[in-house]
Amino acid sequence: ISGGNVHGMVLKRDGSLWASGRNNAGQLGYGWGLDVTTFTESVPAGVTAIAAGGSHTLFLKSDGSLWAMGNNSDGQLGDGTTTNRKAPVQILSSGVSKVSACWNSSAFVKTDGSLWAMGKNDYGQLADGTTDDHLVPRQILSSGVAEVAMSKYHLMYVKTDGSLWGVGRNQHGYLGDGTMTDRSSPVQSRPSGVVKVSARFNHTLFLDVNGSLWAMGQNNVGQLGDGTNTRRTSPVQIMSSGVTQIAAGSYHSLFLDENGTLRA
């Protein structure tokens, strides 16, 4: 499952993609712009991964191809235009393994470990040293990337050596480098041991190889889960073990433990 700002996407075990919610920009991929209040099939088969952004959606097919639909105002679909797409358009024909989307930016990892991103770049989150938007995918790293999490303002990724890196806005310390300085080039947050990362607006979560949960960034409503409302510019441990999945929302966090318990 993947939730956007005003729409939801569900990938079934048979490879079909289902969608519900607002469809003003075509983010549900049906080919028309009408909202849908119950989950309806959007793509019949062959889908392996999904990512819902603000008002756009990306998905991967079993052949490694990357597809996109919905809002494209800042080039977040990566097709070289700013034209909204109400039906899926192919962005790459093969070689994509991971995908992430948030608000008006998108990122993906190829099977060769290279990291790519496109769309809104107002805080340098596309890591090219500028704040220029990109209408086609731009390579950030040529190899060595295992996981990626695109946020509204920042981008986080995990390398194959377990190190955690971030780039973009850092207003509340959500890059985890001990500062609140924006970064137009990636900075390291953790040298090793990271297996998963999740980022949304103003905070970041990551999961260590030992099952411990860590968080950094804005904490005004307790979204870091450390029992305070204090922002953290460096990672703080939330759970010492037993965590298997993580999800950062706009102002809240969720995680799943090894017993199948969902906590928030």
C-alpha atoms as a PDB file:
ATOM      1  CA  ILE A   1       0.000   0.000   0.000  1.00  0.00           C
ATOM      2  CA  SER A   2       1.041   3.626  -0.573  1.00  0.00           C
ATOM      3  CA  GLY A   3      -0.758   6.795   0.468  1.00  0.00           C
ATOM      4  CA  GLY A   4      -0.446  10.127  -1.334  1.00  0.00           C
ATOM      5  CA  ASN A   5      -1.703  13.503  -0.184  1.00  0.00           C
ATOM      6  CA  VAL A   6      -5.301  12.794  -1.242  1.00  0.00           C
ATOM      7  CA  HIS A   7      -5.213   9.359  -2.885  1.00  0.00           C
ATOM      8  CA  GLY A   8      -4.373   5.779  -2.035  1.00  0.00           C
ATOM      9  CA  MET A   9      -2.820   2.981  -4.095  1.00  0.00           C
ATOM     10  CA  VAL A  10      -2.903  -0.766  -3.402  1.00  0.00           C
ATOM     11  CA  LEU A  11      -0.807  -3.457  -5.094  1.00  0.00           C
ATOM     12  CA  LYS A  12      -2.354  -6.922  -4.982  1.00  0.00           C
ATOM     13  CA  ARG A  13      -0.450 -10.204  -4.975  1.00  0.00           C
ATOM     14  CA  ASP A  14      -1.569 -10.894  -8.554  1.00  0.00           C
ATOM     15  CA  GLY A  15       0.279  -7.770  -9.733  1.00  0.00           C
ATOM     16  CA  SER A  16      -2.811  -5.659 -10.274  1.00  0.00           C
ATOM     17  CA  LEU A  17      -2.846  -2.011  -9.139  1.00  0.00           C
ATOM     18  CA  TRP A  18      -5.912  -0.519  -7.456  1.00  0.00           C
ATOM     19  CA  ALA A  19      -6.632   3.129  -6.620  1.00  0.00           C
ATOM     20  CA  SER A  20      -9.058   5.332  -4.713  1.00  0.00           C
ATOM     21  CA  GLY A  21      -9.457   8.974  -3.764  1.00  0.00           C
ATOM     22  CA  ARG A  22      -8.962  12.284  -5.505  1.00  0.00           C
ATOM     23  CA  ASN A  23      -8.119  12.103  -9.183  1.00  0.00           C
ATOM     24  CA  ASN A  24      -7.917  15.776 -10.163  1.00  0.00           C
ATOM     25  CA  ALA A  25      -4.576  15.349 -11.953  1.00  0.00           C
ATOM     26  CA  GLY A  26      -5.089  11.760 -13.084  1.00  0.00           C
ATOM     27  CA  GLN A  27      -3.022  10.271 -10.252  1.00  0.00           C
ATOM     28  CA  LEU A  28      -5.262   7.180 -10.094  1.00  0.00           C
ATOM     29  CA  GLY A  29      -4.292   6.299 -13.671  1.00  0.00           C
ATOM     30  CA  TYR A  30      -7.750   5.469 -14.997  1.00  0.00           C
ATOM     31  CA  GLY A  31      -7.502   7.775 -18.000  1.00  0.00           C
ATOM     32  CA  TRP A  32     -10.093  10.230 -16.706  1.00  0.00           C
ATOM     33  CA  GLY A  33     -10.174  12.875 -13.989  1.00  0.00           C
ATOM     34  CA  LEU A  34     -13.088  11.774 -11.821  1.00  0.00           C
ATOM     35  CA  ASP A  35     -12.592  11.014  -8.125  1.00  0.00           C
ATOM     36  CA  VAL A  36     -13.225   7.433  -6.986  1.00  0.00           C
ATOM     37  CA  THR A  37     -14.565   6.550  -3.534  1.00  0.00           C
ATOM     38  CA  THR A  38     -13.909   2.804  -3.614  1.00  0.00           C
ATOM     39  CA  PHE A  39     -10.757   0.992  -4.712  1.00  0.00           C
ATOM     40  CA  THR A  40     -10.967   0.239  -8.427  1.00  0.00           C
ATOM     41  CA  GLU A  41      -8.505  -1.565 -10.669  1.00  0.00           C
ATOM     42  CA  SER A  42      -6.136   0.823 -12.438  1.00  0.00           C
ATOM     43  CA  VAL A  43      -3.541  -1.533 -13.975  1.00  0.00           C
ATOM     44  CA  PRO A  44      -4.591  -5.183 -14.447  1.00  0.00           C
ATOM     45  CA  ALA A  45      -1.284  -7.033 -14.063  1.00  0.00           C
ATOM     46  CA  GLY A  46       2.501  -6.952 -13.951  1.00  0.00           C
ATOM     47  CA  VAL A  47       3.051  -4.319 -11.255  1.00  0.00           C
ATOM     48  CA  THR A  48       5.750  -5.031  -8.650  1.00  0.00           C
ATOM     49  CA  ALA A  49       6.183  -1.767  -6.684  1.00  0.00           C
ATOM     50  CA  ILE A  50       4.258   1.477  -6.136  1.00  0.00           C
ATOM     51  CA  ALA A  51       4.860   4.976  -4.749  1.00  0.00           C
ATOM     52  CA  ALA A  52       2.208   7.663  -4.257  1.00  0.00           C
ATOM     53  CA  GLY A  53       3.369  11.291  -4.226  1.00  0.00           C
ATOM     54  CA  GLY A  54       1.386  14.440  -3.532  1.00  0.00           C
ATOM     55  CA  SER A  55      -0.889  14.129  -6.578  1.00  0.00           C
ATOM     56  CA  HIS A  56       1.114  11.708  -8.700  1.00  0.00           C
ATOM     57  CA  THR A  57       1.889   8.004  -8.720  1.00  0.00           C
ATOM     58  CA  LEU A  58       4.869   5.935  -9.867  1.00  0.00           C
ATOM     59  CA  PHE A  59       4.981   2.181 -10.320  1.00  0.00           C
ATOM     60  CA  LEU A  60       7.349  -0.512 -11.510  1.00  0.00           C
ATOM     61  CA  LYS A  61       6.512  -3.481 -13.680  1.00  0.00           C
ATOM     62  CA  SER A  62       8.016  -6.961 -13.576  1.00  0.00           C
ATOM     63  CA  ASP A  63      10.224  -6.140 -16.587  1.00  0.00           C
ATOM     64  CA  GLY A  64      11.882  -3.342 -14.571  1.00  0.00           C
ATOM     65  CA  SER A  65      10.106  -0.567 -16.451  1.00  0.00           C
ATOM     66  CA  LEU A  66       9.109   2.666 -14.663  1.00  0.00           C
ATOM     67  CA  TRP A  67       5.682   4.217 -15.221  1.00  0.00           C
ATOM     68  CA  ALA A  68       4.064   7.433 -13.943  1.00  0.00           C
ATOM     69  CA  MET A  69       0.753   9.304 -13.940  1.00  0.00           C
ATOM     70  CA  GLY A  70      -0.881  12.339 -12.367  1.00  0.00           C
ATOM     71  CA  ASN A  71       0.349  15.824 -11.562  1.00  0.00           C
ATOM     72  CA  ASN A  72       3.470  16.849 -13.470  1.00  0.00           C
ATOM     73  CA  SER A  73       3.669  20.572 -12.670  1.00  0.00           C
ATOM     74  CA  ASP A  74       7.341  20.377 -11.672  1.00  0.00           C
ATOM     75  CA  GLY A  75       8.433  17.482 -13.855  1.00  0.00           C
ATOM     76  CA  GLN A  76       7.934  14.874 -11.125  1.00  0.00           C
ATOM     77  CA  LEU A  77       6.786  12.252 -13.666  1.00  0.00           C
ATOM     78  CA  GLY A  78      10.114  12.507 -15.466  1.00  0.00           C
ATOM     79  CA  ASP A  79       8.761  12.430 -19.032  1.00  0.00           C
ATOM     80  CA  GLY A  80      10.407  15.700 -20.069  1.00  0.00           C
ATOM     81  CA  THR A  81       7.226  17.786 -19.854  1.00  0.00           C
ATOM     82  CA  THR A  82       5.050  19.536 -17.280  1.00  0.00           C
ATOM     83  CA  THR A  83       1.876  17.981 -18.712  1.00  0.00           C
ATOM     84  CA  ASN A  84      -0.385  16.079 -16.330  1.00  0.00           C
ATOM     85  CA  ARG A  85      -0.967  12.452 -17.320  1.00  0.00           C
ATOM     86  CA  LYS A  86      -4.309  10.790 -16.610  1.00  0.00           C
ATOM     87  CA  ALA A  87      -3.117   7.403 -17.844  1.00  0.00           C
ATOM     88  CA  PRO A  88       0.263   5.736 -17.145  1.00  0.00           C
ATOM     89  CA  VAL A  89       3.208   6.815 -19.302  1.00  0.00           C
ATOM     90  CA  GLN A  90       6.439   4.859 -19.516  1.00  0.00           C
ATOM     91  CA  ILE A  91       9.479   6.737 -18.203  1.00  0.00           C
ATOM     92  CA  LEU A  92      12.121   3.995 -18.507  1.00  0.00           C
ATOM     93  CA  SER A  93      11.777   0.675 -20.316  1.00  0.00           C
ATOM     94  CA  SER A  94      13.899  -1.445 -17.952  1.00  0.00           C
ATOM     95  CA  GLY A  95      16.443  -1.597 -15.149  1.00  0.00           C
ATOM     96  CA  VAL A  96      14.564   0.030 -12.231  1.00  0.00           C
ATOM     97  CA  SER A  97      14.399  -1.733  -8.853  1.00  0.00           C
ATOM     98  CA  LYS A  98      13.130   0.771  -6.215  1.00  0.00           C
ATOM     99  CA  VAL A  99      10.868   3.820  -6.403  1.00  0.00           C
ATOM    100  CA  SER A 100       9.835   6.627  -4.040  1.00  0.00           C
ATOM    101  CA  ALA A 101       7.662   9.741  -4.376  1.00  0.00           C
ATOM    102  CA  CYS A 102       6.499  12.651  -2.232  1.00  0.00           C
ATOM    103  CA  TRP A 103       4.730  15.888  -3.025  1.00  0.00           C
ATOM    104  CA  ASN A 104       6.214  17.111  -6.335  1.00  0.00           C
ATOM    105  CA  SER A 105       9.456  15.087  -6.452  1.00  0.00           C
ATOM    106  CA  SER A 106      10.325  11.495  -7.328  1.00  0.00           C
ATOM    107  CA  ALA A 107      13.325   9.213  -6.985  1.00  0.00           C
ATOM    108  CA  PHE A 108      14.293   5.698  -7.989  1.00  0.00           C
ATOM    109  CA  VAL A 109      17.129   3.193  -7.786  1.00  0.00           C
ATOM    110  CA  LYS A 110      18.261   1.146 -10.757  1.00  0.00           C
ATOM    111  CA  THR A 111      19.373  -2.477 -10.653  1.00  0.00           C
ATOM    112  CA  ASP A 112      22.976  -1.282 -11.031  1.00  0.00           C
ATOM    113  CA  GLY A 113      22.636   0.625  -7.732  1.00  0.00           C
ATOM    114  CA  SER A 114      22.510   4.063  -9.325  1.00  0.00           C
ATOM    115  CA  LEU A 115      20.239   6.726  -7.775  1.00  0.00           C
ATOM    116  CA  TRP A 116      18.083   9.045  -9.882  1.00  0.00           C
ATOM    117  CA  ALA A 117      15.595  11.834  -9.114  1.00  0.00           C
ATOM    118  CA  MET A 118      13.330  14.323 -10.880  1.00  0.00           C
ATOM    119  CA  GLY A 119      10.819  17.077 -10.207  1.00  0.00           C
ATOM    120  CA  LYS A 120      10.806  19.835  -7.608  1.00  0.00           C
ATOM    121  CA  ASN A 121      14.249  20.919  -6.419  1.00  0.00           C
ATOM    122  CA  ASP A 122      13.501  24.072  -4.409  1.00  0.00           C
ATOM    123  CA  TYR A 123      15.775  23.057  -1.520  1.00  0.00           C
ATOM    124  CA  GLY A 124      18.393  21.168  -3.513  1.00  0.00           C
ATOM    125  CA  GLN A 125      16.824  17.790  -2.745  1.00  0.00           C
ATOM    126  CA  LEU A 126      17.830  16.481  -6.183  1.00  0.00           C
ATOM    127  CA  ALA A 127      21.477  16.904  -5.153  1.00  0.00           C
ATOM    128  CA  ASP A 128      22.778  18.742  -8.209  1.00  0.00           C
ATOM    129  CA  GLY A 129      24.029  21.791  -6.305  1.00  0.00           C
ATOM    130  CA  THR A 130      21.198  23.973  -7.661  1.00  0.00           C
ATOM    131  CA  THR A 131      17.527  24.651  -6.962  1.00  0.00           C
ATOM    132  CA  ASP A 132      16.520  24.061 -10.588  1.00  0.00           C
ATOM    133  CA  ASP A 133      13.680  21.617 -11.202  1.00  0.00           C
ATOM    134  CA  HIS A 134      14.364  18.618 -13.454  1.00  0.00           C
ATOM    135  CA  LEU A 135      11.829  17.352 -16.008  1.00  0.00           C
ATOM    136  CA  VAL A 136      13.773  14.149 -16.737  1.00  0.00           C
ATOM    137  CA  PRO A 137      15.537  11.801 -14.314  1.00  0.00           C
ATOM    138  CA  ARG A 138      18.912  13.112 -13.109  1.00  0.00           C
ATOM    139  CA  GLN A 139      21.590  10.761 -11.817  1.00  0.00           C
ATOM    140  CA  ILE A 140      22.683  11.504  -8.235  1.00  0.00           C
ATOM    141  CA  LEU A 141      24.989   8.515  -7.693  1.00  0.00           C
ATOM    142  CA  SER A 142      26.291   6.013 -10.233  1.00  0.00           C
ATOM    143  CA  SER A 143      26.293   2.960  -7.949  1.00  0.00           C
ATOM    144  CA  GLY A 144      26.069   1.580  -4.428  1.00  0.00           C
ATOM    145  CA  VAL A 145      22.533   2.618  -3.417  1.00  0.00           C
ATOM    146  CA  ALA A 146      20.216   0.099  -1.743  1.00  0.00           C
ATOM    147  CA  GLU A 147      17.205   2.115  -0.509  1.00  0.00           C
ATOM    148  CA  VAL A 148      15.706   5.566  -1.185  1.00  0.00           C
ATOM    149  CA  ALA A 149      13.092   7.781   0.516  1.00  0.00           C
ATOM    150  CA  MET A 150      11.864  10.947  -1.181  1.00  0.00           C
ATOM    151  CA  SER A 151      10.393  13.604   1.109  1.00  0.00           C
ATOM    152  CA  LYS A 152       8.714  16.908   0.300  1.00  0.00           C
ATOM    153  CA  TYR A 153      11.858  18.846   1.168  1.00  0.00           C
ATOM    154  CA  HIS A 154      14.681  16.303   1.420  1.00  0.00           C
ATOM    155  CA  LEU A 155      15.963  13.029   0.023  1.00  0.00           C
ATOM    156  CA  MET A 156      17.394  10.177   2.106  1.00  0.00           C
ATOM    157  CA  TYR A 157      19.134   7.070   0.837  1.00  0.00           C
ATOM    158  CA  VAL A 158      20.914   3.992   2.193  1.00  0.00           C
ATOM    159  CA  LYS A 159      24.044   2.702   0.496  1.00  0.00           C
ATOM    160  CA  THR A 160      24.940  -0.958   0.176  1.00  0.00           C
ATOM    161  CA  ASP A 161      27.515  -0.515   2.967  1.00  0.00           C
ATOM    162  CA  GLY A 162      24.656   0.414   5.353  1.00  0.00           C
ATOM    163  CA  SER A 163      25.521   4.108   5.522  1.00  0.00           C
ATOM    164  CA  LEU A 164      22.686   6.664   5.558  1.00  0.00           C
ATOM    165  CA  TRP A 165      22.857   9.891   3.558  1.00  0.00           C
ATOM    166  CA  GLY A 166      20.625  12.940   3.100  1.00  0.00           C
ATOM    167  CA  VAL A 167      20.342  16.045   0.947  1.00  0.00           C
ATOM    168  CA  GLY A 168      18.012  19.046   0.718  1.00  0.00           C
ATOM    169  CA  ARG A 169      16.253  21.114   3.340  1.00  0.00           C
ATOM    170  CA  ASN A 170      17.353  20.609   6.945  1.00  0.00           C
ATOM    171  CA  GLN A 171      15.277  23.180   8.827  1.00  0.00           C
ATOM    172  CA  HIS A 172      14.605  20.942  11.824  1.00  0.00           C
ATOM    173  CA  GLY A 173      17.607  18.649  11.490  1.00  0.00           C
ATOM    174  CA  TYR A 174      15.882  15.877   9.575  1.00  0.00           C
ATOM    175  CA  LEU A 175      19.024  15.082   7.582  1.00  0.00           C
ATOM    176  CA  GLY A 176      20.491  13.908  10.896  1.00  0.00           C
ATOM    177  CA  ASP A 177      23.941  15.485  10.438  1.00  0.00           C
ATOM    178  CA  GLY A 178      23.822  17.397  13.736  1.00  0.00           C
ATOM    179  CA  THR A 179      22.981  20.737  12.091  1.00  0.00           C
ATOM    180  CA  MET A 180      19.995  22.607  10.679  1.00  0.00           C
ATOM    181  CA  THR A 181      21.913  23.689   7.575  1.00  0.00           C
ATOM    182  CA  ASP A 182      20.354  22.971   4.179  1.00  0.00           C
ATOM    183  CA  ARG A 183      22.491  20.739   1.954  1.00  0.00           C
ATOM    184  CA  SER A 184      22.660  20.803  -1.843  1.00  0.00           C
ATOM    185  CA  SER A 185      25.130  17.902  -1.786  1.00  0.00           C
ATOM    186  CA  PRO A 186      24.601  14.675   0.220  1.00  0.00           C
ATOM    187  CA  VAL A 187      25.844  14.470   3.822  1.00  0.00           C
ATOM    188  CA  GLN A 188      26.268  11.311   5.883  1.00  0.00           C
ATOM    189  CA  SER A 189      23.859  10.768   8.764  1.00  0.00           C
ATOM    190  CA  ARG A 190      25.007   7.310   9.875  1.00  0.00           C
ATOM    191  CA  PRO A 191      28.175   5.425   8.836  1.00  0.00           C
ATOM    192  CA  SER A 192      26.805   1.861   8.835  1.00  0.00           C
ATOM    193  CA  GLY A 193      24.112  -0.575   9.933  1.00  0.00           C
ATOM    194  CA  VAL A 194      21.044   1.008   8.284  1.00  0.00           C
ATOM    195  CA  VAL A 195      18.647  -1.238   6.334  1.00  0.00           C
ATOM    196  CA  LYS A 196      15.525   0.901   5.794  1.00  0.00           C
ATOM    197  CA  VAL A 197      14.680   4.612   5.736  1.00  0.00           C
ATOM    198  CA  SER A 198      11.403   6.562   5.553  1.00  0.00           C
ATOM    199  CA  ALA A 199      10.922  10.320   5.217  1.00  0.00           C
ATOM    200  CA  ARG A 200       7.944  12.564   4.640  1.00  0.00           C
ATOM    201  CA  PHE A 201       7.814  16.279   5.473  1.00  0.00           C
ATOM    202  CA  ASN A 202       9.895  17.347   8.455  1.00  0.00           C
ATOM    203  CA  HIS A 203      11.270  14.163   9.982  1.00  0.00           C
ATOM    204  CA  THR A 204      13.080  10.958   9.096  1.00  0.00           C
ATOM    205  CA  LEU A 205      12.942   7.404  10.468  1.00  0.00           C
ATOM    206  CA  PHE A 206      15.421   4.637   9.881  1.00  0.00           C
ATOM    207  CA  LEU A 207      15.772   1.006  10.872  1.00  0.00           C
ATOM    208  CA  ASP A 208      19.047  -0.525  12.018  1.00  0.00           C
ATOM    209  CA  VAL A 209      20.163  -4.027  11.087  1.00  0.00           C
ATOM    210  CA  ASN A 210      19.580  -5.102  14.720  1.00  0.00           C
ATOM    211  CA  GLY A 211      15.899  -4.077  14.523  1.00  0.00           C
ATOM    212  CA  SER A 212      16.290  -0.804  16.421  1.00  0.00           C
ATOM    213  CA  LEU A 213      14.277   2.262  15.349  1.00  0.00           C
ATOM    214  CA  TRP A 214      15.846   5.715  15.102  1.00  0.00           C
ATOM    215  CA  ALA A 215      14.411   9.153  14.312  1.00  0.00           C
ATOM    216  CA  MET A 216      15.476  12.747  13.714  1.00  0.00           C
ATOM    217  CA  GLY A 217      13.956  16.099  12.771  1.00  0.00           C
ATOM    218  CA  GLN A 218      10.841  18.011  13.769  1.00  0.00           C
ATOM    219  CA  ASN A 219       9.040  16.702  16.853  1.00  0.00           C
ATOM    220  CA  ASN A 220       6.446  19.378  17.614  1.00  0.00           C
ATOM    221  CA  VAL A 221       3.595  16.864  17.947  1.00  0.00           C
ATOM    222  CA  GLY A 222       5.652  13.911  19.119  1.00  0.00           C
ATOM    223  CA  GLN A 223       6.191  12.369  15.686  1.00  0.00           C
ATOM    224  CA  LEU A 224       9.645  11.102  16.676  1.00  0.00           C
ATOM    225  CA  GLY A 225       8.162   9.018  19.498  1.00  0.00           C
ATOM    226  CA  ASP A 226      10.858   9.775  22.096  1.00  0.00           C
ATOM    227  CA  GLY A 227       8.395  11.086  24.704  1.00  0.00           C
ATOM    228  CA  THR A 228       9.259  14.763  24.070  1.00  0.00           C
ATOM    229  CA  ASN A 229       8.458  17.593  21.696  1.00  0.00           C
ATOM    230  CA  THR A 230      12.142  18.401  21.199  1.00  0.00           C
ATOM    231  CA  ARG A 231      13.539  18.499  17.665  1.00  0.00           C
ATOM    232  CA  ARG A 232      16.509  16.212  17.056  1.00  0.00           C
ATOM    233  CA  THR A 233      19.286  17.152  14.660  1.00  0.00           C
ATOM    234  CA  SER A 234      21.074  13.850  15.256  1.00  0.00           C
ATOM    235  CA  PRO A 235      19.463  10.380  15.321  1.00  0.00           C
ATOM    236  CA  VAL A 236      17.794   9.362  18.584  1.00  0.00           C
ATOM    237  CA  GLN A 237      16.911   5.742  19.361  1.00  0.00           C
ATOM    238  CA  ILE A 238      13.166   5.094  19.761  1.00  0.00           C
ATOM    239  CA  MET A 239      13.088   1.282  20.040  1.00  0.00           C
ATOM    240  CA  SER A 240      16.084  -0.911  20.807  1.00  0.00           C
ATOM    241  CA  SER A 241      14.984  -4.005  18.841  1.00  0.00           C
ATOM    242  CA  GLY A 242      12.142  -5.895  17.189  1.00  0.00           C
ATOM    243  CA  VAL A 243      11.071  -3.379  14.516  1.00  0.00           C
ATOM    244  CA  THR A 244      10.482  -4.732  10.999  1.00  0.00           C
ATOM    245  CA  GLN A 245       8.775  -1.950   8.987  1.00  0.00           C
ATOM    246  CA  ILE A 246       8.610   1.865   9.279  1.00  0.00           C
ATOM    247  CA  ALA A 247       6.529   4.659   7.764  1.00  0.00           C
ATOM    248  CA  ALA A 248       6.867   8.407   8.299  1.00  0.00           C
ATOM    249  CA  GLY A 249       3.725  10.481   7.712  1.00  0.00           C
ATOM    250  CA  SER A 250       3.380  14.233   7.483  1.00  0.00           C
ATOM    251  CA  TYR A 251       3.252  14.723  11.271  1.00  0.00           C
ATOM    252  CA  HIS A 252       3.105  11.168  12.586  1.00  0.00           C
ATOM    253  CA  SER A 253       5.005   7.877  12.422  1.00  0.00           C
ATOM    254  CA  LEU A 254       4.085   4.209  12.255  1.00  0.00           C
ATOM    255  CA  PHE A 255       6.058   1.018  12.696  1.00  0.00           C
ATOM    256  CA  LEU A 256       5.474  -2.709  12.703  1.00  0.00           C
ATOM    257  CA  ASP A 257       7.187  -5.017  15.180  1.00  0.00           C
ATOM    258  CA  GLU A 258       8.193  -8.662  14.817  1.00  0.00           C
ATOM    259  CA  ASN A 259       5.001  -9.823  16.524  1.00  0.00           C
ATOM    260  CA  GLY A 260       2.868  -8.147  13.848  1.00  0.00           C
ATOM    261  CA  THR A 261       1.843  -5.301  16.153  1.00  0.00           C
ATOM    262  CA  LEU A 262       1.325  -1.892  14.527  1.00  0.00           C
ATOM    263  CA  ARG A 263       2.367   1.081  16.672  1.00  0.00           C
ATOM    264  CA  ALA A 264       2.005   4.829  16.099  1.00  0.00           C
END
